[in-house]
């Protein structure tokens, strides 16, 4: 086995490391979405059950589960998080 591998530390933002534009925005959306997904998993909610409990569309929860976040603003994701009964951590 060769020891020629170089270890490179990331910046803490995978989107920045990949050279994506708006990396900070993408990272923030991903972090908020992960909090929403934690809630769904903790409560064992399907997207339909989440809709029943919060009034937010099943389609929105499906997009979040699929990490299709381009349609969401930070404000919208924060609103969904609040509707799930949790606010973002400082």
PDB file of N, CA and C in Angstrom:
ATOM      1  N   UNK A   1       0.838  -1.176   0.000  1.00  0.00           N
ATOM      2  CA  UNK A   1       0.000   0.000   0.000  1.00  0.00           C
ATOM      3  C   UNK A   1       0.887   1.245   0.000  1.00  0.00           C
ATOM      4  N   UNK A   2       0.551   2.199  -0.803  1.00  0.00           N
ATOM      5  CA  UNK A   2       1.357   3.404  -0.954  1.00  0.00           C
ATOM      6  C   UNK A   2       0.906   4.479   0.019  1.00  0.00           C
ATOM      7  N   UNK A   3       1.853   5.249   0.548  1.00  0.00           N
ATOM      8  CA  UNK A   3       1.554   6.366   1.445  1.00  0.00           C
ATOM      9  C   UNK A   3       1.628   7.694   0.711  1.00  0.00           C
ATOM     10  N   UNK A   4       1.403   7.695  -0.600  1.00  0.00           N
ATOM     11  CA  UNK A   4       1.519   8.901  -1.405  1.00  0.00           C
ATOM     12  C   UNK A   4       0.257   9.755  -1.412  1.00  0.00           C
ATOM     13  N   UNK A   5      -0.728   9.397  -0.618  1.00  0.00           N
ATOM     14  CA  UNK A   5      -1.989  10.126  -0.604  1.00  0.00           C
ATOM     15  C   UNK A   5      -1.820  11.439   0.165  1.00  0.00           C
ATOM     16  N   UNK A   6      -2.309  12.509  -0.435  1.00  0.00           N
ATOM     17  CA  UNK A   6      -2.248  13.826   0.202  1.00  0.00           C
ATOM     18  C   UNK A   6      -3.594  14.125   0.855  1.00  0.00           C
ATOM     19  N   UNK A   7      -3.553  14.564   2.095  1.00  0.00           N
ATOM     20  CA  UNK A   7      -4.757  14.918   2.827  1.00  0.00           C
ATOM     21  C   UNK A   7      -5.009  16.415   2.664  1.00  0.00           C
ATOM     22  N   UNK A   8      -6.197  16.742   2.191  1.00  0.00           N
ATOM     23  CA  UNK A   8      -6.568  18.143   2.005  1.00  0.00           C
ATOM     24  C   UNK A   8      -7.787  18.413   2.871  1.00  0.00           C
ATOM     25  N   UNK A   9      -7.697  19.412   3.715  1.00  0.00           N
ATOM     26  CA  UNK A   9      -8.817  19.772   4.587  1.00  0.00           C
ATOM     27  C   UNK A   9      -9.782  20.668   3.831  1.00  0.00           C
ATOM     28  N   UNK A  10     -11.066  20.386   3.993  1.00  0.00           N
ATOM     29  CA  UNK A  10     -12.094  21.193   3.359  1.00  0.00           C
ATOM     30  C   UNK A  10     -12.312  22.488   4.126  1.00  0.00           C
ATOM     31  N   UNK A  11     -13.079  23.358   3.534  1.00  0.00           N
ATOM     32  CA  UNK A  11     -13.363  24.664   4.136  1.00  0.00           C
ATOM     33  C   UNK A  11     -14.489  24.598   5.160  1.00  0.00           C
ATOM     34  N   UNK A  12     -15.196  23.458   5.204  1.00  0.00           N
ATOM     35  CA  UNK A  12     -16.386  23.366   6.042  1.00  0.00           C
ATOM     36  C   UNK A  12     -17.651  23.612   5.241  1.00  0.00           C
ATOM     37  N   UNK A  13     -17.484  24.007   3.998  1.00  0.00           N
ATOM     38  CA  UNK A  13     -18.620  24.218   3.103  1.00  0.00           C
ATOM     39  C   UNK A  13     -18.315  23.467   1.807  1.00  0.00           C
ATOM     40  N   UNK A  14     -18.976  22.326   1.645  1.00  0.00           N
ATOM     41  CA  UNK A  14     -18.700  21.479   0.493  1.00  0.00           C
ATOM     42  C   UNK A  14     -18.996  22.197  -0.820  1.00  0.00           C
ATOM     43  N   UNK A  15     -19.982  23.085  -0.805  1.00  0.00           N
ATOM     44  CA  UNK A  15     -20.327  23.817  -2.026  1.00  0.00           C
ATOM     45  C   UNK A  15     -19.188  24.766  -2.425  1.00  0.00           C
ATOM     46  N   UNK A  16     -18.557  25.383  -1.443  1.00  0.00           N
ATOM     47  CA  UNK A  16     -17.405  26.247  -1.720  1.00  0.00           C
ATOM     48  C   UNK A  16     -16.242  25.408  -2.233  1.00  0.00           C
ATOM     49  N   UNK A  17     -16.027  24.263  -1.590  1.00  0.00           N
ATOM     50  CA  UNK A  17     -14.929  23.390  -2.001  1.00  0.00           C
ATOM     51  C   UNK A  17     -15.095  22.912  -3.443  1.00  0.00           C
ATOM     52  N   UNK A  18     -16.347  22.782  -3.878  1.00  0.00           N
ATOM     53  CA  UNK A  18     -16.616  22.354  -5.248  1.00  0.00           C
ATOM     54  C   UNK A  18     -16.684  23.520  -6.230  1.00  0.00           C
ATOM     55  N   UNK A  19     -16.479  24.741  -5.732  1.00  0.00           N
ATOM     56  CA  UNK A  19     -16.461  25.913  -6.602  1.00  0.00           C
ATOM     57  C   UNK A  19     -17.834  26.378  -7.050  1.00  0.00           C
ATOM     58  N   UNK A  20     -18.873  26.013  -6.312  1.00  0.00           N
ATOM     59  CA  UNK A  20     -20.231  26.395  -6.700  1.00  0.00           C
ATOM     60  C   UNK A  20     -20.486  27.862  -6.388  1.00  0.00           C
ATOM     61  N   UNK A  21     -21.158  28.575  -7.279  1.00  0.00           N
ATOM     62  CA  UNK A  21     -21.543  29.955  -6.970  1.00  0.00           C
ATOM     63  C   UNK A  21     -22.596  29.934  -5.857  1.00  0.00           C
ATOM     64  N   UNK A  22     -22.657  30.990  -5.084  1.00  0.00           N
ATOM     65  CA  UNK A  22     -23.608  31.097  -3.969  1.00  0.00           C
ATOM     66  C   UNK A  22     -23.436  29.977  -2.956  1.00  0.00           C
ATOM     67  N   UNK A  23     -22.204  29.607  -2.694  1.00  0.00           N
ATOM     68  CA  UNK A  23     -21.910  28.474  -1.813  1.00  0.00           C
ATOM     69  C   UNK A  23     -22.494  28.659  -0.416  1.00  0.00           C
ATOM     70  N   UNK A  24     -22.421  29.878   0.114  1.00  0.00           N
ATOM     71  CA  UNK A  24     -22.944  30.099   1.465  1.00  0.00           C
ATOM     72  C   UNK A  24     -24.458  29.932   1.510  1.00  0.00           C
ATOM     73  N   UNK A  25     -25.154  30.392   0.497  1.00  0.00           N
ATOM     74  CA  UNK A  25     -26.599  30.228   0.417  1.00  0.00           C
ATOM     75  C   UNK A  25     -26.964  28.746   0.306  1.00  0.00           C
ATOM     76  N   UNK A  26     -26.272  28.023  -0.539  1.00  0.00           N
ATOM     77  CA  UNK A  26     -26.530  26.596  -0.704  1.00  0.00           C
ATOM     78  C   UNK A  26     -26.277  25.832   0.597  1.00  0.00           C
ATOM     79  N   UNK A  27     -25.230  26.201   1.300  1.00  0.00           N
ATOM     80  CA  UNK A  27     -24.912  25.556   2.580  1.00  0.00           C
ATOM     81  C   UNK A  27     -26.010  25.841   3.603  1.00  0.00           C
ATOM     82  N   UNK A  28     -26.460  27.080   3.675  1.00  0.00           N
ATOM     83  CA  UNK A  28     -27.513  27.446   4.628  1.00  0.00           C
ATOM     84  C   UNK A  28     -28.800  26.672   4.331  1.00  0.00           C
ATOM     85  N   UNK A  29     -29.178  26.595   3.071  1.00  0.00           N
ATOM     86  CA  UNK A  29     -30.371  25.840   2.701  1.00  0.00           C
ATOM     87  C   UNK A  29     -30.236  24.370   3.093  1.00  0.00           C
ATOM     88  N   UNK A  30     -29.080  23.804   2.836  1.00  0.00           N
ATOM     89  CA  UNK A  30     -28.852  22.394   3.161  1.00  0.00           C
ATOM     90  C   UNK A  30     -28.945  22.152   4.666  1.00  0.00           C
ATOM     91  N   UNK A  31     -28.410  23.066   5.456  1.00  0.00           N
ATOM     92  CA  UNK A  31     -28.458  22.910   6.912  1.00  0.00           C
ATOM     93  C   UNK A  31     -29.886  23.010   7.439  1.00  0.00           C
ATOM     94  N   UNK A  32     -30.657  23.950   6.924  1.00  0.00           N
ATOM     95  CA  UNK A  32     -32.046  24.088   7.365  1.00  0.00           C
ATOM     96  C   UNK A  32     -32.851  22.865   6.925  1.00  0.00           C
ATOM     97  N   UNK A  33     -32.649  22.430   5.700  1.00  0.00           N
ATOM     98  CA  UNK A  33     -33.352  21.244   5.205  1.00  0.00           C
ATOM     99  C   UNK A  33     -33.011  20.019   6.051  1.00  0.00           C
ATOM    100  N   UNK A  34     -31.767  19.909   6.479  1.00  0.00           N
ATOM    101  CA  UNK A  34     -31.383  18.760   7.311  1.00  0.00           C
ATOM    102  C   UNK A  34     -32.107  18.791   8.655  1.00  0.00           C
ATOM    103  N   UNK A  35     -32.344  19.984   9.192  1.00  0.00           N
ATOM    104  CA  UNK A  35     -33.112  20.097  10.440  1.00  0.00           C
ATOM    105  C   UNK A  35     -34.563  19.652  10.220  1.00  0.00           C
ATOM    106  N   UNK A  36     -35.129  20.034   9.102  1.00  0.00           N
ATOM    107  CA  UNK A  36     -36.493  19.611   8.775  1.00  0.00           C
ATOM    108  C   UNK A  36     -36.548  18.091   8.649  1.00  0.00           C
ATOM    109  N   UNK A  37     -35.577  17.509   7.980  1.00  0.00           N
ATOM    110  CA  UNK A  37     -35.544  16.058   7.813  1.00  0.00           C
ATOM    111  C   UNK A  37     -35.366  15.339   9.138  1.00  0.00           C
ATOM    112  N   UNK A  38     -34.587  15.914  10.049  1.00  0.00           N
ATOM    113  CA  UNK A  38     -34.438  15.323  11.383  1.00  0.00           C
ATOM    114  C   UNK A  38     -35.785  15.237  12.083  1.00  0.00           C
ATOM    115  N   UNK A  39     -36.560  16.311  11.974  1.00  0.00           N
ATOM    116  CA  UNK A  39     -37.887  16.334  12.599  1.00  0.00           C
ATOM    117  C   UNK A  39     -38.774  15.248  12.000  1.00  0.00           C
ATOM    118  N   UNK A  40     -38.806  15.162  10.679  1.00  0.00           N
ATOM    119  CA  UNK A  40     -39.625  14.143  10.030  1.00  0.00           C
ATOM    120  C   UNK A  40     -39.209  12.746  10.485  1.00  0.00           C
ATOM    121  N   UNK A  41     -37.913  12.522  10.564  1.00  0.00           N
ATOM    122  CA  UNK A  41     -37.419  11.210  10.975  1.00  0.00           C
ATOM    123  C   UNK A  41     -37.726  10.935  12.451  1.00  0.00           C
ATOM    124  N   UNK A  42     -37.501  11.931  13.322  1.00  0.00           N
ATOM    125  CA  UNK A  42     -37.777  11.763  14.751  1.00  0.00           C
ATOM    126  C   UNK A  42     -39.242  11.423  15.000  1.00  0.00           C
ATOM    127  N   UNK A  43     -40.118  12.064  14.255  1.00  0.00           N
ATOM    128  CA  UNK A  43     -41.556  11.873  14.448  1.00  0.00           C
ATOM    129  C   UNK A  43     -42.126  10.758  13.578  1.00  0.00           C
ATOM    130  N   UNK A  44     -41.241  10.164  12.780  1.00  0.00           N
ATOM    131  CA  UNK A  44     -41.629   9.099  11.858  1.00  0.00           C
ATOM    132  C   UNK A  44     -42.779   9.538  10.955  1.00  0.00           C
ATOM    133  N   UNK A  45     -42.654  10.771  10.467  1.00  0.00           N
ATOM    134  CA  UNK A  45     -43.657  11.338   9.581  1.00  0.00           C
ATOM    135  C   UNK A  45     -43.331  11.026   8.131  1.00  0.00           C
ATOM    136  N   UNK A  46     -44.335  10.580   7.410  1.00  0.00           N
ATOM    137  CA  UNK A  46     -44.235  10.553   5.956  1.00  0.00           C
ATOM    138  C   UNK A  46     -44.466  11.990   5.491  1.00  0.00           C
ATOM    139  N   UNK A  47     -44.270  12.229   4.225  1.00  0.00           N
ATOM    140  CA  UNK A  47     -44.540  13.576   3.719  1.00  0.00           C
ATOM    141  C   UNK A  47     -46.026  13.907   3.825  1.00  0.00           C
ATOM    142  N   UNK A  48     -46.873  12.914   3.695  1.00  0.00           N
ATOM    143  CA  UNK A  48     -48.323  13.126   3.841  1.00  0.00           C
ATOM    144  C   UNK A  48     -48.685  13.445   5.290  1.00  0.00           C
ATOM    145  N   UNK A  49     -48.082  12.741   6.221  1.00  0.00           N
ATOM    146  CA  UNK A  49     -48.345  13.000   7.632  1.00  0.00           C
ATOM    147  C   UNK A  49     -47.830  14.394   8.009  1.00  0.00           C
ATOM    148  N   UNK A  50     -46.684  14.779   7.485  1.00  0.00           N
ATOM    149  CA  UNK A  50     -46.143  16.115   7.742  1.00  0.00           C
ATOM    150  C   UNK A  50     -47.092  17.180   7.211  1.00  0.00           C
ATOM    151  N   UNK A  51     -47.686  16.936   6.057  1.00  0.00           N
ATOM    152  CA  UNK A  51     -48.660  17.876   5.497  1.00  0.00           C
ATOM    153  C   UNK A  51     -49.866  18.001   6.425  1.00  0.00           C
ATOM    154  N   UNK A  52     -50.382  16.887   6.900  1.00  0.00           N
ATOM    155  CA  UNK A  52     -51.529  16.905   7.812  1.00  0.00           C
ATOM    156  C   UNK A  52     -51.219  17.686   9.088  1.00  0.00           C
ATOM    157  N   UNK A  53     -50.012  17.508   9.598  1.00  0.00           N
ATOM    158  CA  UNK A  53     -49.643  18.117  10.868  1.00  0.00           C
ATOM    159  C   UNK A  53     -49.306  19.602  10.758  1.00  0.00           C
ATOM    160  N   UNK A  54     -48.828  20.035   9.587  1.00  0.00           N
ATOM    161  CA  UNK A  54     -48.322  21.411   9.469  1.00  0.00           C
ATOM    162  C   UNK A  54     -49.101  22.286   8.504  1.00  0.00           C
ATOM    163  N   UNK A  55     -49.834  21.669   7.573  1.00  0.00           N
ATOM    164  CA  UNK A  55     -50.512  22.441   6.541  1.00  0.00           C
ATOM    165  C   UNK A  55     -49.613  22.795   5.369  1.00  0.00           C
ATOM    166  N   UNK A  56     -48.374  22.370   5.412  1.00  0.00           N
ATOM    167  CA  UNK A  56     -47.430  22.612   4.310  1.00  0.00           C
ATOM    168  C   UNK A  56     -47.586  21.465   3.319  1.00  0.00           C
ATOM    169  N   UNK A  57     -47.519  21.784   2.045  1.00  0.00           N
ATOM    170  CA  UNK A  57     -47.824  20.784   1.023  1.00  0.00           C
ATOM    171  C   UNK A  57     -46.889  19.575   1.074  1.00  0.00           C
ATOM    172  N   UNK A  58     -47.486  18.455   0.773  1.00  0.00           N
ATOM    173  CA  UNK A  58     -46.748  17.198   0.637  1.00  0.00           C
ATOM    174  C   UNK A  58     -45.616  17.368  -0.376  1.00  0.00           C
ATOM    175  N   UNK A  59     -45.890  18.096  -1.461  1.00  0.00           N
ATOM    176  CA  UNK A  59     -44.882  18.296  -2.509  1.00  0.00           C
ATOM    177  C   UNK A  59     -43.646  19.018  -1.968  1.00  0.00           C
ATOM    178  N   UNK A  60     -43.851  20.011  -1.092  1.00  0.00           N
ATOM    179  CA  UNK A  60     -42.701  20.704  -0.503  1.00  0.00           C
ATOM    180  C   UNK A  60     -41.857  19.748   0.333  1.00  0.00           C
ATOM    181  N   UNK A  61     -42.509  18.927   1.151  1.00  0.00           N
ATOM    182  CA  UNK A  61     -41.752  17.963   1.951  1.00  0.00           C
ATOM    183  C   UNK A  61     -41.053  16.936   1.065  1.00  0.00           C
ATOM    184  N   UNK A  62     -41.693  16.550  -0.024  1.00  0.00           N
ATOM    185  CA  UNK A  62     -41.060  15.614  -0.965  1.00  0.00           C
ATOM    186  C   UNK A  62     -39.815  16.232  -1.589  1.00  0.00           C
ATOM    187  N   UNK A  63     -39.898  17.506  -1.964  1.00  0.00           N
ATOM    188  CA  UNK A  63     -38.725  18.187  -2.538  1.00  0.00           C
ATOM    189  C   UNK A  63     -37.595  18.263  -1.523  1.00  0.00           C
ATOM    190  N   UNK A  64     -37.933  18.551  -0.279  1.00  0.00           N
ATOM    191  CA  UNK A  64     -36.899  18.624   0.760  1.00  0.00           C
ATOM    192  C   UNK A  64     -36.278  17.245   0.967  1.00  0.00           C
ATOM    193  N   UNK A  65     -37.106  16.206   1.023  1.00  0.00           N
ATOM    194  CA  UNK A  65     -36.581  14.837   1.169  1.00  0.00           C
ATOM    195  C   UNK A  65     -35.654  14.469   0.013  1.00  0.00           C
ATOM    196  N   UNK A  66     -35.955  14.967  -1.170  1.00  0.00           N
ATOM    197  CA  UNK A  66     -35.142  14.674  -2.355  1.00  0.00           C
ATOM    198  C   UNK A  66     -34.001  15.661  -2.529  1.00  0.00           C
ATOM    199  N   UNK A  67     -33.857  16.579  -1.614  1.00  0.00           N
ATOM    200  CA  UNK A  67     -32.829  17.629  -1.626  1.00  0.00           C
ATOM    201  C   UNK A  67     -32.896  18.431  -2.921  1.00  0.00           C
ATOM    202  N   UNK A  68     -34.099  18.733  -3.331  1.00  0.00           N
ATOM    203  CA  UNK A  68     -34.328  19.616  -4.479  1.00  0.00           C
ATOM    204  C   UNK A  68     -34.724  20.971  -3.906  1.00  0.00           C
ATOM    205  N   UNK A  69     -33.713  21.756  -3.545  1.00  0.00           N
ATOM    206  CA  UNK A  69     -33.937  22.971  -2.769  1.00  0.00           C
ATOM    207  C   UNK A  69     -33.939  24.245  -3.588  1.00  0.00           C
ATOM    208  N   UNK A  70     -33.773  24.154  -4.888  1.00  0.00           N
ATOM    209  CA  UNK A  70     -33.646  25.369  -5.704  1.00  0.00           C
ATOM    210  C   UNK A  70     -34.904  26.227  -5.673  1.00  0.00           C
ATOM    211  N   UNK A  71     -36.066  25.638  -5.462  1.00  0.00           N
ATOM    212  CA  UNK A  71     -37.323  26.403  -5.430  1.00  0.00           C
ATOM    213  C   UNK A  71     -37.542  27.126  -4.105  1.00  0.00           C
ATOM    214  N   UNK A  72     -36.760  26.798  -3.111  1.00  0.00           N
ATOM    215  CA  UNK A  72     -36.967  27.344  -1.774  1.00  0.00           C
ATOM    216  C   UNK A  72     -36.045  28.525  -1.491  1.00  0.00           C
ATOM    217  N   UNK A  73     -36.601  29.524  -0.842  1.00  0.00           N
ATOM    218  CA  UNK A  73     -35.768  30.587  -0.286  1.00  0.00           C
ATOM    219  C   UNK A  73     -35.420  30.183   1.144  1.00  0.00           C
ATOM    220  N   UNK A  74     -34.451  30.881   1.696  1.00  0.00           N
ATOM    221  CA  UNK A  74     -34.105  30.658   3.103  1.00  0.00           C
ATOM    222  C   UNK A  74     -35.340  30.940   3.969  1.00  0.00           C
ATOM    223  N   UNK A  75     -36.037  32.015   3.670  1.00  0.00           N
ATOM    224  CA  UNK A  75     -37.227  32.366   4.450  1.00  0.00           C
ATOM    225  C   UNK A  75     -38.275  31.263   4.404  1.00  0.00           C
ATOM    226  N   UNK A  76     -38.492  30.687   3.242  1.00  0.00           N
ATOM    227  CA  UNK A  76     -39.494  29.617   3.122  1.00  0.00           C
ATOM    228  C   UNK A  76     -39.075  28.387   3.922  1.00  0.00           C
ATOM    229  N   UNK A  77     -37.811  28.017   3.844  1.00  0.00           N
ATOM    230  CA  UNK A  77     -37.330  26.876   4.618  1.00  0.00           C
ATOM    231  C   UNK A  77     -37.445  27.143   6.120  1.00  0.00           C
ATOM    232  N   UNK A  78     -37.140  28.369   6.528  1.00  0.00           N
ATOM    233  CA  UNK A  78     -37.267  28.729   7.945  1.00  0.00           C
ATOM    234  C   UNK A  78     -38.726  28.655   8.383  1.00  0.00           C
ATOM    235  N   UNK A  79     -39.632  29.074   7.529  1.00  0.00           N
ATOM    236  CA  UNK A  79     -41.058  29.012   7.824  1.00  0.00           C
ATOM    237  C   UNK A  79     -41.509  27.558   7.992  1.00  0.00           C
ATOM    238  N   UNK A  80     -41.045  26.687   7.132  1.00  0.00           N
ATOM    239  CA  UNK A  80     -41.376  25.272   7.236  1.00  0.00           C
ATOM    240  C   UNK A  80     -40.823  24.702   8.537  1.00  0.00           C
ATOM    241  N   UNK A  81     -39.608  25.061   8.866  1.00  0.00           N
ATOM    242  CA  UNK A  81     -38.996  24.602  10.112  1.00  0.00           C
ATOM    243  C   UNK A  81     -39.826  25.038  11.322  1.00  0.00           C
ATOM    244  N   UNK A  82     -40.258  26.289  11.303  1.00  0.00           N
ATOM    245  CA  UNK A  82     -41.100  26.790  12.401  1.00  0.00           C
ATOM    246  C   UNK A  82     -42.436  26.063  12.453  1.00  0.00           C
ATOM    247  N   UNK A  83     -43.032  25.811  11.296  1.00  0.00           N
ATOM    248  CA  UNK A  83     -44.308  25.091  11.244  1.00  0.00           C
ATOM    249  C   UNK A  83     -44.165  23.660  11.797  1.00  0.00           C
ATOM    250  N   UNK A  84     -42.962  23.134  11.719  1.00  0.00           N
ATOM    251  CA  UNK A  84     -42.691  21.813  12.281  1.00  0.00           C
ATOM    252  C   UNK A  84     -42.435  21.894  13.789  1.00  0.00           C
ATOM    253  N   UNK A  85     -42.435  23.105  14.314  1.00  0.00           N
ATOM    254  CA  UNK A  85     -42.297  23.271  15.758  1.00  0.00           C
ATOM    255  C   UNK A  85     -40.902  23.514  16.247  1.00  0.00           C
ATOM    256  N   UNK A  86     -40.028  23.905  15.385  1.00  0.00           N
ATOM    257  CA  UNK A  86     -38.637  24.129  15.804  1.00  0.00           C
ATOM    258  C   UNK A  86     -38.091  25.357  15.110  1.00  0.00           C
ATOM    259  N   UNK A  87     -37.234  26.069  15.785  1.00  0.00           N
ATOM    260  CA  UNK A  87     -36.546  27.194  15.142  1.00  0.00           C
ATOM    261  C   UNK A  87     -35.105  26.788  14.894  1.00  0.00           C
ATOM    262  N   UNK A  88     -34.458  27.523  14.025  1.00  0.00           N
ATOM    263  CA  UNK A  88     -33.059  27.223  13.698  1.00  0.00           C
ATOM    264  C   UNK A  88     -32.191  27.470  14.917  1.00  0.00           C
ATOM    265  N   UNK A  89     -31.168  26.670  15.045  1.00  0.00           N
ATOM    266  CA  UNK A  89     -30.226  26.840  16.147  1.00  0.00           C
ATOM    267  C   UNK A  89     -29.296  27.997  15.829  1.00  0.00           C
ATOM    268  N   UNK A  90     -28.948  28.765  16.861  1.00  0.00           N
ATOM    269  CA  UNK A  90     -28.032  29.903  16.610  1.00  0.00           C
ATOM    270  C   UNK A  90     -26.661  29.449  16.187  1.00  0.00           C
TER     271      UNK A  90
END
